[in-house]
Amino acid sequence: MKKTTVSEPSTSRKRPRDEDSEPGSEPEPVPGNSIDHSGSLSLEENFSFSDTMVALQIMRAQFPHIEKVSVQPFVLQSQLYSSIKDRTQVDRELESLRRDRVLRIFKLNTGQDDHAVMFMDDYLNQIEHVVKRMEVKTQDGLMVFEWFKTHVIHSKLDASIGHQELCSLLSLGGKVKEEHISLLINAGIVIRQLIDQNMYWFAIPNIGSVLKGLSQGRKEVLSFLNRRKYKEMMLAPLEKKCLRFSPLDMRFHLRDLIGSGHLKTVQTPSGLVVRVAKD
């Protein structure tokens, strides 16, 4: 069989060859979540779900281990669309979970319609990790992170917040200075919007290199399939390919590209086929 240009997997940790799971360690289970075995299942074995929460839990368990980057598992909204037929159901259930403070939804800079979903506990852990890293550099103004966790996160559930509202909520913890806002920006917890400097996006800290890989991985997968004769491939062998330019695994990218409409799946007697969607 002709060798493809997609490189073979290379990891720093040796794993048994008969193990079906993707390279890397499994993330810790969500508190109260009993679904901890799904990371070893192939994409074809758990491609579709009837419930958004179940889909989120399984995709979280399957989030790839990323070397040298400390980021808690997140799920793309497009990935949920690939696995649940009714998009309105996904939007409705996500909104309910957001209002119940089970998760947060973040606008990403990788595309106009790109949104990441992260469980609240994971988000708080991500902030805690960044705060500990900043404590090494400075002790000044670090109380703002506690104010943010106590007074902002659970009060403001939207994807964005205005400067005045942010300062008002933070002031419930203490006297707010511009340096406090700068600390939040430098930590990657909020990002100033380009079109309105008085508005901020809430953000997942320490995710920049992963988002770069997301964009590059999308291009790599589409380029790989477009070079094939019929611009398609069986899902099972495709899922096992390793990407050169993305720290995220093929399964992560396939769910994303199928949900966003760039790829589509076709059921055949031999299994699912992934095909480039025509414009």
Protein backbone atom coordinates (compact mmCIF):
# COMPACT_ATOMS: atom_id res chain seq x y z
CA MET A 1 0.00 0.00 0.00
CA LYS A 2 1.33 3.43 -0.94
CA LYS A 3 2.62 5.42 2.03
CA THR A 4 0.68 8.57 2.85
CA THR A 5 2.24 11.91 3.72
CA VAL A 6 0.61 11.89 7.13
CA SER A 7 3.37 10.87 9.52
CA GLU A 8 3.31 7.86 11.78
CA PRO A 9 2.61 8.37 15.47
CA SER A 10 5.58 9.32 17.61
CA THR A 11 5.32 9.70 21.35
CA SER A 12 7.85 9.91 24.12
CA ARG A 13 6.09 7.15 26.06
CA LYS A 14 5.96 3.58 24.79
CA ARG A 15 2.56 1.94 24.91
CA PRO A 16 1.42 -1.60 24.11
CA ARG A 17 0.78 -2.04 20.38
CA ASP A 18 -2.52 -3.83 20.93
CA GLU A 19 -3.98 -0.91 22.89
CA ASP A 20 -6.70 0.96 20.99
CA SER A 21 -6.52 4.27 22.80
CA GLU A 22 -4.81 7.35 21.42
CA PRO A 23 -1.32 8.27 22.67
CA GLY A 24 -1.23 10.16 25.96
CA SER A 25 -2.73 9.82 29.38
CA GLU A 26 -6.44 9.97 30.18
CA PRO A 27 -7.76 13.15 31.84
CA GLU A 28 -9.18 12.89 35.32
CA PRO A 29 -12.91 12.05 35.31
CA VAL A 30 -15.46 14.79 35.84
CA PRO A 31 -16.70 14.68 39.45
CA GLY A 32 -19.78 12.47 39.53
CA ASN A 33 -19.04 11.09 36.08
CA SER A 34 -18.96 7.31 35.80
CA ILE A 35 -18.01 7.30 32.12
CA ASP A 36 -14.31 6.64 32.32
CA HIS A 37 -13.82 3.76 29.88
CA SER A 38 -14.79 5.53 26.67
CA GLY A 39 -11.34 6.85 25.85
CA SER A 40 -10.41 3.39 24.58
CA LEU A 41 -13.35 3.16 22.17
CA SER A 42 -12.85 4.08 18.51
CA LEU A 43 -14.66 7.01 16.96
CA GLU A 44 -16.87 4.67 14.94
CA GLU A 45 -17.88 2.81 18.12
CA ASN A 46 -19.16 5.98 19.79
CA PHE A 47 -19.85 8.32 16.89
CA SER A 48 -23.42 9.30 17.76
CA PHE A 49 -25.14 10.23 21.02
CA SER A 50 -28.68 11.13 21.98
CA ASP A 51 -27.77 13.36 24.92
CA THR A 52 -25.49 16.40 25.01
CA MET A 53 -24.21 15.76 28.53
CA VAL A 54 -23.21 12.18 27.70
CA ALA A 55 -21.46 13.41 24.53
CA LEU A 56 -19.58 16.04 26.55
CA GLN A 57 -18.45 13.53 29.17
CA ILE A 58 -17.20 11.02 26.62
CA MET A 59 -15.43 13.63 24.49
CA ARG A 60 -13.83 15.03 27.62
CA ALA A 61 -12.55 11.55 28.50
CA GLN A 62 -11.14 11.26 24.97
CA PHE A 63 -9.39 14.64 25.01
CA PRO A 64 -5.81 14.00 23.84
CA HIS A 65 -2.87 14.33 26.19
CA ILE A 66 -0.76 17.24 24.98
CA GLU A 67 2.95 17.25 25.80
CA LYS A 68 4.41 20.40 27.40
CA VAL A 69 1.05 22.22 27.47
CA SER A 70 -1.07 22.31 30.59
CA VAL A 71 -4.64 22.64 29.38
CA GLN A 72 -7.78 21.08 30.81
CA PRO A 73 -10.04 19.13 28.41
CA PHE A 74 -12.46 21.13 26.28
CA VAL A 75 -14.98 20.23 23.61
CA LEU A 76 -15.80 22.20 20.47
CA GLN A 77 -19.43 22.99 19.82
CA SER A 78 -18.94 21.72 16.27
CA GLN A 79 -17.92 18.33 17.70
CA LEU A 80 -21.27 18.08 19.48
CA TYR A 81 -23.02 18.89 16.21
CA SER A 82 -21.20 15.97 14.56
CA SER A 83 -22.48 13.51 17.16
CA ILE A 84 -26.05 14.66 17.83
CA LYS A 85 -28.34 15.00 14.81
CA ASP A 86 -30.57 17.74 16.23
CA ARG A 87 -28.49 20.94 16.51
CA THR A 88 -31.36 22.73 18.19
CA GLN A 89 -31.28 20.09 20.92
CA VAL A 90 -27.54 20.68 21.40
CA ASP A 91 -28.00 24.45 21.66
CA ARG A 92 -30.92 24.06 24.07
CA GLU A 93 -29.13 21.58 26.34
CA LEU A 94 -25.90 23.60 26.30
CA GLU A 95 -27.83 26.70 27.33
CA SER A 96 -29.45 24.79 30.20
CA LEU A 97 -26.08 23.45 31.40
CA ARG A 98 -24.58 26.93 31.09
CA ARG A 99 -27.36 28.49 33.18
CA ASP A 100 -26.88 25.76 35.79
CA ARG A 101 -23.17 26.67 35.91
CA VAL A 102 -22.13 23.15 34.95
CA LEU A 103 -20.00 24.49 32.09
CA ARG A 104 -18.87 27.62 30.31
CA ILE A 105 -18.86 28.42 26.59
CA PHE A 106 -15.99 30.42 25.09
CA LYS A 107 -15.71 32.23 21.76
CA LEU A 108 -12.51 31.17 19.98
CA ASN A 109 -10.42 33.24 17.57
CA THR A 110 -9.96 30.32 15.14
CA GLY A 111 -13.19 30.97 13.25
CA GLN A 112 -16.33 33.07 13.31
CA ASP A 113 -18.50 30.24 14.61
CA ASP A 114 -15.90 28.48 16.76
CA HIS A 115 -16.89 27.93 20.38
CA ALA A 116 -15.26 25.80 23.07
CA VAL A 117 -17.15 24.15 25.90
CA MET A 118 -15.39 23.46 29.21
CA PHE A 119 -16.77 22.01 32.41
CA MET A 120 -16.77 24.60 35.20
CA ASP A 121 -14.53 22.51 37.45
CA ASP A 122 -11.97 22.17 34.66
CA TYR A 123 -12.11 25.90 33.99
CA LEU A 124 -11.48 26.72 37.65
CA ASN A 125 -8.57 24.27 37.69
CA GLN A 126 -7.14 25.91 34.59
CA ILE A 127 -7.28 29.33 36.24
CA GLU A 128 -5.68 27.93 39.39
CA HIS A 129 -2.79 26.55 37.37
CA VAL A 130 -2.18 29.93 35.70
CA VAL A 131 -2.35 31.77 39.04
CA LYS A 132 0.29 29.46 40.53
CA ARG A 133 2.52 30.13 37.56
CA MET A 134 2.10 33.90 37.97
CA GLU A 135 2.84 33.71 41.71
CA VAL A 136 6.41 32.86 40.78
CA LYS A 137 6.73 36.14 38.86
CA THR A 138 4.87 38.57 41.11
CA GLN A 139 2.88 38.84 44.30
CA ASP A 140 1.35 42.24 43.51
CA GLY A 141 -2.35 42.33 42.77
CA LEU A 142 -2.87 38.57 42.71
CA MET A 143 -5.97 38.93 44.86
CA VAL A 144 -7.80 39.93 41.66
CA PHE A 145 -7.89 36.27 40.59
CA GLU A 146 -9.75 35.35 43.77
CA TRP A 147 -12.15 38.24 43.18
CA PHE A 148 -12.63 36.99 39.62
CA LYS A 149 -13.43 33.43 40.74
CA THR A 150 -15.70 34.56 43.56
CA HIS A 151 -17.62 37.46 42.02
CA VAL A 152 -17.35 37.27 38.21
CA ILE A 153 -17.37 33.66 37.00
CA HIS A 154 -20.64 32.63 38.59
CA SER A 155 -22.36 35.99 38.10
CA LYS A 156 -21.56 36.61 34.44
CA LEU A 157 -22.32 33.54 32.33
CA ASP A 158 -22.07 35.18 28.89
CA ALA A 159 -19.10 34.76 26.56
CA SER A 160 -18.20 38.45 26.92
CA ILE A 161 -18.26 41.24 29.49
CA GLY A 162 -17.95 45.04 29.39
CA HIS A 163 -15.14 46.92 31.14
CA GLN A 164 -17.48 48.70 33.53
CA GLU A 165 -19.34 45.55 34.50
CA LEU A 166 -16.08 43.66 35.02
CA CYS A 167 -14.75 46.39 37.30
CA SER A 168 -18.06 46.58 39.16
CA LEU A 169 -18.12 42.84 39.88
CA LEU A 170 -14.45 42.76 40.86
CA SER A 171 -15.01 45.69 43.24
CA LEU A 172 -17.15 43.39 45.37
CA GLY A 173 -13.83 41.89 46.43
CA GLY A 174 -11.80 45.07 46.84
CA LYS A 175 -10.61 48.30 45.26
CA VAL A 176 -10.03 47.71 41.54
CA LYS A 177 -7.09 49.26 39.72
CA GLU A 178 -6.10 49.15 36.06
CA GLU A 179 -3.20 46.88 36.99
CA HIS A 180 -5.72 44.28 38.14
CA ILE A 181 -7.36 44.25 34.70
CA SER A 182 -3.91 44.02 33.11
CA LEU A 183 -3.15 40.96 35.23
CA LEU A 184 -6.32 39.24 34.01
CA ILE A 185 -5.39 40.06 30.41
CA ASN A 186 -1.78 38.91 30.80
CA ALA A 187 -2.97 35.66 32.36
CA GLY A 188 -5.17 35.03 29.31
CA ILE A 189 -8.34 34.96 31.40
CA VAL A 190 -9.95 37.80 29.46
CA ILE A 191 -9.12 39.10 25.97
CA ARG A 192 -9.89 42.64 24.82
CA GLN A 193 -12.16 42.66 21.78
CA LEU A 194 -10.73 44.23 18.63
CA ILE A 195 -13.93 45.93 17.51
CA ASP A 196 -14.70 47.40 20.95
CA GLN A 197 -11.85 48.05 23.37
CA ASN A 198 -14.33 48.36 26.24
CA MET A 199 -15.48 44.76 25.79
CA TYR A 200 -13.67 41.54 26.72
CA TRP A 201 -14.07 37.90 25.76
CA PHE A 202 -13.77 35.39 28.56
CA ALA A 203 -10.98 33.01 27.55
CA ILE A 204 -9.37 29.70 28.46
CA PRO A 205 -5.88 30.56 29.72
CA ASN A 206 -2.81 28.87 28.25
CA ILE A 207 -4.66 27.66 25.16
CA GLY A 208 -2.89 29.69 22.45
CA SER A 209 -0.60 26.95 21.10
CA VAL A 210 -3.48 24.46 21.08
CA LEU A 211 -5.66 26.82 19.01
CA LYS A 212 -2.78 27.30 16.57
CA GLY A 213 -2.61 23.51 16.26
CA LEU A 214 -6.37 23.35 15.78
CA SER A 215 -6.18 25.65 12.74
CA GLN A 216 -3.17 23.84 11.28
CA GLY A 217 -4.69 20.42 11.91
CA ARG A 218 -7.88 21.34 10.10
CA LYS A 219 -5.90 22.31 7.01
CA GLU A 220 -3.76 19.17 7.23
CA VAL A 221 -6.72 16.78 7.41
CA LEU A 222 -8.55 18.46 4.53
CA SER A 223 -5.37 18.57 2.44
CA PHE A 224 -4.74 14.87 3.08
CA LEU A 225 -8.25 13.84 2.02
CA ASN A 226 -8.31 16.20 -0.97
CA ARG A 227 -5.20 14.50 -2.34
CA ARG A 228 -6.89 11.11 -2.36
CA LYS A 229 -8.49 9.94 -5.61
CA TYR A 230 -12.08 10.10 -4.41
CA LYS A 231 -11.39 12.53 -1.56
CA GLU A 232 -12.51 9.96 0.99
CA MET A 233 -11.23 7.25 3.34
CA MET A 234 -12.64 4.67 5.70
CA LEU A 235 -13.06 6.18 9.16
CA ALA A 236 -11.33 3.35 11.07
CA PRO A 237 -7.90 3.62 9.38
CA LEU A 238 -8.16 7.41 9.04
CA GLU A 239 -8.64 7.81 12.78
CA LYS A 240 -5.31 6.06 13.42
CA LYS A 241 -3.32 8.54 11.33
CA CYS A 242 -1.07 10.94 13.21
CA LEU A 243 -0.91 14.62 12.34
CA ARG A 244 2.33 16.53 11.92
CA PHE A 245 1.17 20.03 12.69
CA SER A 246 -1.38 19.62 15.47
CA PRO A 247 -1.00 18.43 19.07
CA LEU A 248 -4.65 17.32 18.89
CA ASP A 249 -5.39 13.84 17.60
CA MET A 250 -7.18 12.84 14.41
CA ARG A 251 -10.36 11.91 16.28
CA PHE A 252 -10.62 15.44 17.71
CA HIS A 253 -10.23 16.99 14.25
CA LEU A 254 -12.62 14.61 12.51
CA ARG A 255 -15.44 15.36 14.95
CA ASP A 256 -14.81 19.07 14.45
CA LEU A 257 -14.66 18.99 10.65
CA ILE A 258 -17.73 16.76 10.34
CA GLY A 259 -19.73 18.98 12.70
CA SER A 260 -18.70 22.15 10.86
CA GLY A 261 -19.75 20.66 7.53
CA HIS A 262 -16.29 20.44 5.92
CA LEU A 263 -16.46 16.65 5.97
CA LYS A 264 -19.37 14.23 5.83
CA THR A 265 -19.81 10.56 6.66
CA VAL A 266 -21.40 7.87 4.52
CA GLN A 267 -22.45 4.49 5.90
CA THR A 268 -21.25 1.56 3.77
CA PRO A 269 -21.34 -2.24 4.30
CA SER A 270 -17.67 -2.02 5.34
CA GLY A 271 -18.23 0.80 7.83
CA LEU A 272 -18.26 4.59 7.91
CA VAL A 273 -16.53 6.48 5.12
CA VAL A 274 -15.33 10.07 5.66
CA ARG A 275 -15.58 12.25 2.56
CA VAL A 276 -14.76 15.87 1.78
CA ALA A 277 -18.03 17.78 1.49
CA LYS A 278 -18.59 19.50 -1.86
CA ASP A 279 -18.99 23.27 -1.86
